[in-house]
Amino acid sequence: MAKRIGILTSGGDCPGLNAAIRGVARASYQLFSDVQIVGVMDGFGGFIDLEYREMERHEFSGILTLGGTILRTSRQRDKMIRQNSGKYLDPFRMMAKNYEKMALDCIVVIGGNGTHTAAGMLYDQGLNVISLPKTIDNDVWGTDVTFGFQSAVDIATDVIDKVHSTAFSHSRVMVVELMGNEAGWLALSAGIAGGADVILIPEIPYDINTVADVINDRYESGKHYSIIAIAEGARSIHDDPEQNLKGQHYSVGYKLADELRKVIDIDTRVVVPGHYQRGGAPCPFDRVLATQMGVYAAELIKRGEFGTTVAVKDGKITHNLIKDVAGKTKTVPRNAPLLDVGRKVGVSYGEPKARKAE
């Protein structure tokens, strides 16, 4: 059975993308007697611009441990596209036409939330689509974990580990700003793993007075330094919840430090690892997970189960319908077990203290 399978990576990069590409390709070579893997370059942008190439088997060797993506990536282009003629064209119709021009039997789309939304729209156009969930934010709905997340947790934890010594040596408050605009999974996991004293995430608006009290209490008990892990999307109880800060040159870590300097007299410094959290080789966990997901995607192709996205549920690789996942974000629920674990080891989430009855 001959198959022509397209693969593209979209959205932000993360460790494990190449492992997933490799998993899809190698499993497809095993499952089909005749298969051609077509690499669509630069994400949906390349799909729109018809930038692709037929790939050879040897290109999937030696990429398991590589960070980034050999297919390159870009943020999705989902707006109407203006042509030289002045006409505007629907990018999804353009991709549907290019799918036919490339003579694809199916397309495997690897990405995060926005990518899954776009994948669902392509499926609605009649394309045979299967998606894979990747993101360092771990915020794709319907899966316990995304590949790329654990690698980012390892990197972010290493950053927190390293600032402990300088915080201790200088009796400072160190604010480590981590990625996570809408979901705090990364800051929460790395914060607990790195022994942060305060963890601030988007799901729990913080009170600067609570944060200051934690630091002062530590200082008075003889602990002259503190570590704060803060997700980039964290907000104060005084911030406007409707204000959209995404995409602006804005650092919540420096904002928090400025707020702290007004209420405590302790030297406060900020560390922003930024895109360092996305880079480098995937950790062993993500290599295994991305490979498992890639192989499962090939099996879905074999079974003809399109319009689906691979997922992990209760430790098992399975799948969801893309329509049930697209447009949803998996945030940290208030009853998340990991939040309770943090509280029981003394972590503060900056929550406002309950007022005493008068």
Protein backbone atom coordinates (compact mmCIF):
# COMPACT_ATOMS: atom_id res chain seq x y z
CA MET A 1 0.00 0.00 0.00
CA ALA A 2 1.67 3.23 -1.16
CA LYS A 3 1.35 6.30 1.01
CA ARG A 4 2.48 9.89 0.65
CA ILE A 5 2.65 11.44 4.11
CA GLY A 6 3.31 15.11 4.79
CA ILE A 7 4.79 16.34 8.08
CA LEU A 8 5.03 19.90 9.36
CA THR A 9 5.98 21.56 12.64
CA SER A 10 4.25 24.78 13.66
CA GLY A 11 4.34 27.33 16.46
CA GLY A 12 7.15 27.73 18.96
CA ASP A 13 9.98 25.22 18.86
CA CYS A 14 10.69 22.81 21.70
CA PRO A 15 12.88 19.80 22.43
CA GLY A 16 11.50 16.57 20.98
CA LEU A 17 10.22 17.78 17.62
CA ASN A 18 12.85 15.87 15.68
CA ALA A 19 12.23 12.77 17.78
CA ALA A 20 8.53 12.96 16.84
CA ILE A 21 9.32 13.47 13.14
CA ARG A 22 11.65 10.47 13.30
CA GLY A 23 8.99 8.37 15.04
CA VAL A 24 6.36 9.11 12.40
CA ALA A 25 8.75 8.44 9.51
CA ARG A 26 10.41 5.28 10.80
CA ALA A 27 7.12 3.69 11.86
CA SER A 28 5.60 4.56 8.48
CA TYR A 29 8.46 2.80 6.71
CA GLN A 30 7.63 -0.28 8.75
CA LEU A 31 3.85 -0.12 8.34
CA PHE A 32 3.60 0.61 4.61
CA SER A 33 5.20 -1.27 1.72
CA ASP A 34 5.73 1.95 -0.19
CA VAL A 35 5.85 5.33 1.55
CA GLN A 36 7.15 8.79 0.73
CA ILE A 37 7.63 11.30 3.54
CA VAL A 38 7.12 14.90 2.41
CA GLY A 39 8.58 17.58 4.65
CA VAL A 40 6.61 20.83 4.62
CA MET A 41 9.02 23.60 5.56
CA ASP A 42 8.46 26.53 7.94
CA GLY A 43 5.14 25.38 9.36
CA PHE A 44 1.85 26.58 7.91
CA GLY A 45 3.71 29.38 6.16
CA GLY A 46 5.49 26.79 4.02
CA PHE A 47 2.22 24.96 3.46
CA ILE A 48 0.69 28.17 2.12
CA ASP A 49 3.74 29.04 0.01
CA LEU A 50 4.15 25.45 -1.27
CA GLU A 51 7.60 25.03 0.24
CA TYR A 52 8.24 21.31 0.65
CA ARG A 53 10.62 18.53 -0.28
CA GLU A 54 10.53 14.78 -0.59
CA MET A 55 12.72 13.31 2.12
CA GLU A 56 15.04 10.32 2.12
CA ARG A 57 15.30 7.62 4.78
CA HIS A 58 18.77 8.69 5.86
CA GLU A 59 17.46 12.11 6.87
CA PHE A 60 15.69 10.53 9.83
CA SER A 61 18.91 9.10 11.26
CA GLY A 62 20.91 11.03 13.84
CA ILE A 63 18.09 13.45 14.71
CA LEU A 64 16.68 11.80 17.85
CA THR A 65 18.85 13.90 20.15
CA LEU A 66 18.69 17.16 18.19
CA GLY A 67 16.81 20.15 19.55
CA GLY A 68 14.68 22.36 17.34
CA THR A 69 13.17 20.99 14.13
CA ILE A 70 14.81 19.96 10.87
CA LEU A 71 11.65 21.16 9.09
CA ARG A 72 11.87 24.59 10.72
CA THR A 73 8.78 26.26 12.11
CA SER A 74 6.83 29.51 12.25
CA ARG A 75 3.85 30.98 14.00
CA GLN A 76 0.65 30.17 12.16
CA ARG A 77 -0.70 32.55 9.55
CA ASP A 78 -4.46 32.30 9.92
CA LYS A 79 -5.53 35.67 8.53
CA MET A 80 -6.68 36.37 5.00
CA ILE A 81 -3.64 36.70 2.72
CA ARG A 82 -3.33 39.53 0.25
CA GLN A 83 -1.97 38.58 -3.16
CA ASN A 84 -0.12 40.80 -5.65
CA SER A 85 -3.39 41.12 -7.53
CA GLY A 86 -4.89 42.79 -4.49
CA LYS A 87 -7.27 39.90 -3.84
CA TYR A 88 -7.50 38.26 -0.43
CA LEU A 89 -7.40 34.48 -0.17
CA ASP A 90 -8.37 32.15 2.66
CA PRO A 91 -5.11 30.49 3.82
CA PHE A 92 -6.91 27.25 4.67
CA ARG A 93 -8.30 26.95 1.17
CA MET A 94 -4.82 27.65 -0.15
CA MET A 95 -3.39 24.87 2.01
CA ALA A 96 -6.14 22.52 0.87
CA LYS A 97 -5.21 23.23 -2.76
CA ASN A 98 -1.53 22.74 -2.02
CA TYR A 99 -2.32 19.46 -0.27
CA GLU A 100 -3.72 18.29 -3.61
CA LYS A 101 -0.75 19.71 -5.54
CA MET A 102 1.62 17.77 -3.31
CA ALA A 103 -0.52 14.66 -3.86
CA LEU A 104 -0.60 13.95 -0.13
CA ASP A 105 -2.62 11.12 1.39
CA CYS A 106 -2.45 12.77 4.80
CA ILE A 107 -0.65 15.47 6.76
CA VAL A 108 0.82 15.11 10.26
CA VAL A 109 0.78 18.45 12.07
CA ILE A 110 2.98 18.87 15.15
CA GLY A 111 2.29 21.81 17.43
CA GLY A 112 0.54 23.39 20.37
CA ASN A 113 -2.85 25.00 20.97
CA GLY A 114 -2.94 27.31 17.97
CA THR A 115 -1.64 24.56 15.73
CA HIS A 116 -4.41 22.20 16.84
CA THR A 117 -7.02 24.83 16.05
CA ALA A 118 -5.56 25.23 12.57
CA ALA A 119 -5.33 21.46 12.15
CA GLY A 120 -9.03 21.18 12.94
CA MET A 121 -9.83 23.79 10.29
CA LEU A 122 -7.78 21.87 7.74
CA TYR A 123 -9.68 18.70 8.61
CA ASP A 124 -12.90 20.65 8.01
CA GLN A 125 -11.53 21.45 4.54
CA GLY A 126 -11.45 17.73 3.81
CA LEU A 127 -7.77 17.01 4.50
CA ASN A 128 -6.70 13.81 6.24
CA VAL A 129 -5.07 15.33 9.34
CA ILE A 130 -3.44 13.89 12.45
CA SER A 131 -1.83 16.15 15.05
CA LEU A 132 0.76 15.69 17.78
CA PRO A 133 0.82 17.79 20.97
CA LYS A 134 4.09 19.58 21.67
CA THR A 135 4.71 22.57 23.92
CA ILE A 136 6.86 23.47 26.88
CA ASP A 137 3.73 24.93 28.50
CA ASN A 138 1.96 21.54 28.82
CA ASP A 139 -1.32 23.34 28.12
CA VAL A 140 -2.84 21.26 25.30
CA TRP A 141 -6.27 20.03 26.30
CA GLY A 142 -6.95 16.31 26.60
CA THR A 143 -3.42 15.04 27.25
CA ASP A 144 -1.73 14.52 30.60
CA VAL A 145 1.56 15.75 29.19
CA THR A 146 3.01 17.20 26.00
CA PHE A 147 6.48 16.43 24.74
CA GLY A 148 8.90 19.30 25.26
CA PHE A 149 7.49 20.03 28.69
CA GLN A 150 9.80 17.82 30.76
CA SER A 151 12.89 19.13 28.95
CA ALA A 152 11.82 22.69 29.75
CA VAL A 153 11.17 21.74 33.39
CA ASP A 154 14.70 20.32 33.59
CA ILE A 155 16.18 23.51 32.12
CA ALA A 156 14.09 25.86 34.28
CA THR A 157 14.90 23.82 37.39
CA ASP A 158 18.61 24.07 36.59
CA VAL A 159 18.28 27.86 36.40
CA ILE A 160 16.57 27.97 39.81
CA ASP A 161 19.18 25.60 41.25
CA LYS A 162 21.98 27.90 40.14
CA VAL A 163 20.53 31.11 41.57
CA HIS A 164 20.28 29.57 45.05
CA SER A 165 24.01 30.04 45.65
CA THR A 166 24.13 33.68 44.56
CA ALA A 167 20.92 34.46 46.47
CA PHE A 168 22.42 32.92 49.61
CA SER A 169 25.82 34.58 49.16
CA HIS A 170 24.36 38.08 48.75
CA SER A 171 21.27 37.73 50.97
CA ARG A 172 19.04 38.54 48.02
CA VAL A 173 15.60 37.84 46.71
CA MET A 174 15.98 36.22 43.29
CA VAL A 175 13.01 36.41 40.94
CA VAL A 176 13.18 33.81 38.16
CA GLU A 177 10.74 34.56 35.34
CA LEU A 178 9.75 31.42 33.44
CA MET A 179 7.63 30.87 30.35
CA GLY A 180 3.91 30.20 30.61
CA ASN A 181 1.58 32.94 29.41
CA GLU A 182 -1.77 31.31 30.12
CA ALA A 183 -0.87 28.20 32.09
CA GLY A 184 1.50 27.83 35.04
CA TRP A 185 2.52 24.17 34.69
CA LEU A 186 6.15 24.97 33.91
CA ALA A 187 6.67 27.47 36.74
CA LEU A 188 4.80 25.22 39.18
CA SER A 189 6.80 22.08 38.38
CA ALA A 190 10.19 23.79 38.12
CA GLY A 191 9.47 25.89 41.19
CA ILE A 192 8.75 22.86 43.33
CA ALA A 193 11.67 20.92 41.85
CA GLY A 194 14.02 23.86 42.41
CA GLY A 195 12.90 24.62 45.96
CA ALA A 196 11.32 28.01 45.25
CA ASP A 197 9.77 29.69 48.27
CA VAL A 198 7.12 31.51 46.24
CA ILE A 199 5.58 30.35 42.96
CA LEU A 200 3.34 32.75 41.04
CA ILE A 201 1.23 31.44 38.15
CA PRO A 202 -1.47 32.92 35.88
CA GLU A 203 -4.24 30.87 37.49
CA ILE A 204 -3.76 32.40 40.95
CA PRO A 205 -3.55 36.23 41.05
CA TYR A 206 -1.01 37.24 43.67
CA ASP A 207 -1.09 39.84 46.44
CA ILE A 208 2.27 41.62 46.71
CA ASN A 209 1.73 41.99 50.46
CA THR A 210 1.47 38.22 50.86
CA VAL A 211 4.69 37.76 48.88
CA ALA A 212 6.42 40.39 51.01
CA ASP A 213 5.21 38.73 54.22
CA VAL A 214 6.70 35.39 53.13
CA ILE A 215 10.06 37.01 52.48
CA ASN A 216 10.03 38.98 55.74
CA ASP A 217 9.04 35.89 57.73
CA ARG A 218 11.96 33.98 56.22
CA TYR A 219 14.34 36.82 56.99
CA GLU A 220 13.20 37.05 60.59
CA SER A 221 13.64 33.28 61.03
CA GLY A 222 17.28 33.54 59.92
CA LYS A 223 16.80 32.73 56.22
CA HIS A 224 18.28 35.79 54.58
CA TYR A 225 17.45 34.91 50.99
CA SER A 226 14.39 33.84 49.01
CA ILE A 227 13.64 32.37 45.58
CA ILE A 228 10.54 33.34 43.60
CA ALA A 229 9.52 31.45 40.44
CA ILE A 230 7.03 33.45 38.39
CA ALA A 231 5.32 32.51 35.14
CA GLU A 232 5.38 35.20 32.45
CA GLY A 233 1.57 35.34 32.51
CA ALA A 234 1.24 35.82 36.28
CA ARG A 235 -0.84 38.77 37.41
CA SER A 236 -1.38 40.74 40.57
CA ILE A 237 -4.83 40.98 42.13
CA HIS A 238 -4.66 44.65 41.13
CA ASP A 239 -3.96 44.02 37.43
CA ASP A 240 -6.68 44.42 34.84
CA PRO A 241 -7.65 40.84 33.86
CA GLU A 242 -8.80 42.04 30.44
CA GLN A 243 -5.46 43.64 29.60
CA ASN A 244 -3.69 41.61 26.93
CA LEU A 245 0.06 41.68 27.51
CA LYS A 246 0.91 38.87 25.13
CA GLY A 247 3.32 39.89 22.42
CA GLN A 248 4.40 43.10 24.17
CA HIS A 249 7.87 43.87 25.47
CA TYR A 250 6.85 43.25 29.03
CA SER A 251 8.57 41.47 31.89
CA VAL A 252 6.42 40.40 34.79
CA GLY A 253 9.59 39.48 36.69
CA TYR A 254 10.85 43.06 36.68
CA LYS A 255 7.37 44.34 37.49
CA LEU A 256 7.25 42.06 40.52
CA ALA A 257 10.73 43.17 41.61
CA ASP A 258 9.66 46.82 41.39
CA GLU A 259 6.58 46.06 43.48
CA LEU A 260 8.68 44.25 46.10
CA ARG A 261 11.19 47.08 46.41
CA LYS A 262 8.35 49.34 47.53
CA VAL A 263 7.37 47.12 50.45
CA ILE A 264 10.57 45.34 51.59
CA ASP A 265 14.14 46.53 52.10
CA ILE A 266 15.93 43.48 50.70
CA ASP A 267 18.06 43.48 47.56
CA THR A 268 15.99 41.95 44.73
CA ARG A 269 17.33 40.75 41.38
CA VAL A 270 15.67 39.22 38.31
CA VAL A 271 16.70 36.32 36.07
CA VAL A 272 14.90 35.76 32.75
CA PRO A 273 16.12 32.60 30.96
CA GLY A 274 13.64 33.24 28.13
CA HIS A 275 14.08 31.12 25.02
CA TYR A 276 16.88 29.22 26.72
CA GLN A 277 14.00 27.11 28.08
CA ARG A 278 13.07 25.99 24.55
CA GLY A 279 16.54 25.07 23.38
CA GLY A 280 18.92 22.17 23.39
CA ALA A 281 18.55 18.42 23.20
CA PRO A 282 15.38 16.77 24.51
CA CYS A 283 15.68 14.95 27.82
CA PRO A 284 15.34 11.14 27.73
CA PHE A 285 11.69 11.34 28.88
CA ASP A 286 10.78 13.57 25.94
CA ARG A 287 12.74 11.44 23.48
CA VAL A 288 10.72 8.42 24.52
CA LEU A 289 7.38 10.27 24.62
CA ALA A 290 7.85 11.99 21.25
CA THR A 291 8.88 8.67 19.68
CA GLN A 292 5.83 6.92 21.16
CA MET A 293 3.54 9.66 19.88
CA GLY A 294 5.12 9.63 16.43
CA VAL A 295 4.74 5.87 16.14
CA TYR A 296 1.13 6.07 17.31
CA ALA A 297 0.43 8.74 14.68
CA ALA A 298 1.70 6.36 11.98
CA GLU A 299 -0.60 3.65 13.36
CA LEU A 300 -3.55 6.06 13.15
CA ILE A 301 -2.66 6.68 9.51
CA LYS A 302 -2.60 2.93 8.93
CA ARG A 303 -6.07 2.62 10.48
CA GLY A 304 -7.39 5.65 8.60
CA GLU A 305 -8.40 7.44 11.80
CA PHE A 306 -8.01 11.06 10.76
CA GLY A 307 -9.20 14.24 12.45
CA THR A 308 -7.45 12.98 15.57
CA THR A 309 -4.70 14.13 17.90
CA VAL A 310 -2.37 11.87 19.88
CA ALA A 311 -2.54 12.10 23.67
CA VAL A 312 -1.36 10.55 26.93
CA LYS A 313 -4.03 9.48 29.39
CA ASP A 314 -3.23 7.65 32.61
CA GLY A 315 0.20 6.77 31.24
CA LYS A 316 -1.10 5.26 28.00
CA ILE A 317 -0.75 6.62 24.47
CA THR A 318 -4.18 7.19 22.94
CA HIS A 319 -5.96 9.86 20.91
CA ASN A 320 -8.72 12.47 20.95
CA LEU A 321 -10.75 14.06 18.20
CA ILE A 322 -9.15 17.33 17.14
CA LYS A 323 -12.54 19.05 17.37
CA ASP A 324 -12.66 18.16 21.08
CA VAL A 325 -9.24 19.69 21.72
CA ALA A 326 -9.01 22.71 19.42
CA GLY A 327 -9.50 26.09 21.05
CA LYS A 328 -9.14 24.80 24.61
CA THR A 329 -6.31 25.49 27.04
CA LYS A 330 -5.39 23.15 29.89
CA THR A 331 -4.67 25.45 32.80
CA VAL A 332 -3.71 24.52 36.36
CA PRO A 333 -6.94 23.84 38.27
CA ARG A 334 -7.28 25.15 41.81
CA ASN A 335 -7.52 21.56 43.07
CA ALA A 336 -4.41 20.36 41.24
CA PRO A 337 -2.59 17.81 43.45
CA LEU A 338 0.75 19.50 42.73
CA LEU A 339 -0.52 22.77 44.21
CA ASP A 340 -1.37 20.92 47.41
CA VAL A 341 2.05 19.27 47.44
CA GLY A 342 3.65 22.70 47.24
CA ARG A 343 1.58 24.07 50.10
CA LYS A 344 2.52 21.12 52.30
CA VAL A 345 6.23 21.81 51.82
CA GLY A 346 5.79 25.51 52.58
CA VAL A 347 5.41 27.06 49.13
CA SER A 348 3.36 30.25 48.90
CA TYR A 349 1.35 31.08 45.78
CA GLY A 350 0.93 34.70 46.81
CA GLU A 351 -2.76 34.31 47.51
CA PRO A 352 -4.43 37.15 49.46
CA LYS A 353 -4.82 36.36 53.11
CA ALA A 354 -8.34 35.92 54.39
CA ARG A 355 -9.59 38.96 56.24
CA LYS A 356 -10.33 38.51 59.92
CA ALA A 357 -13.92 39.01 60.95
CA GLU A 358 -14.41 42.31 62.69
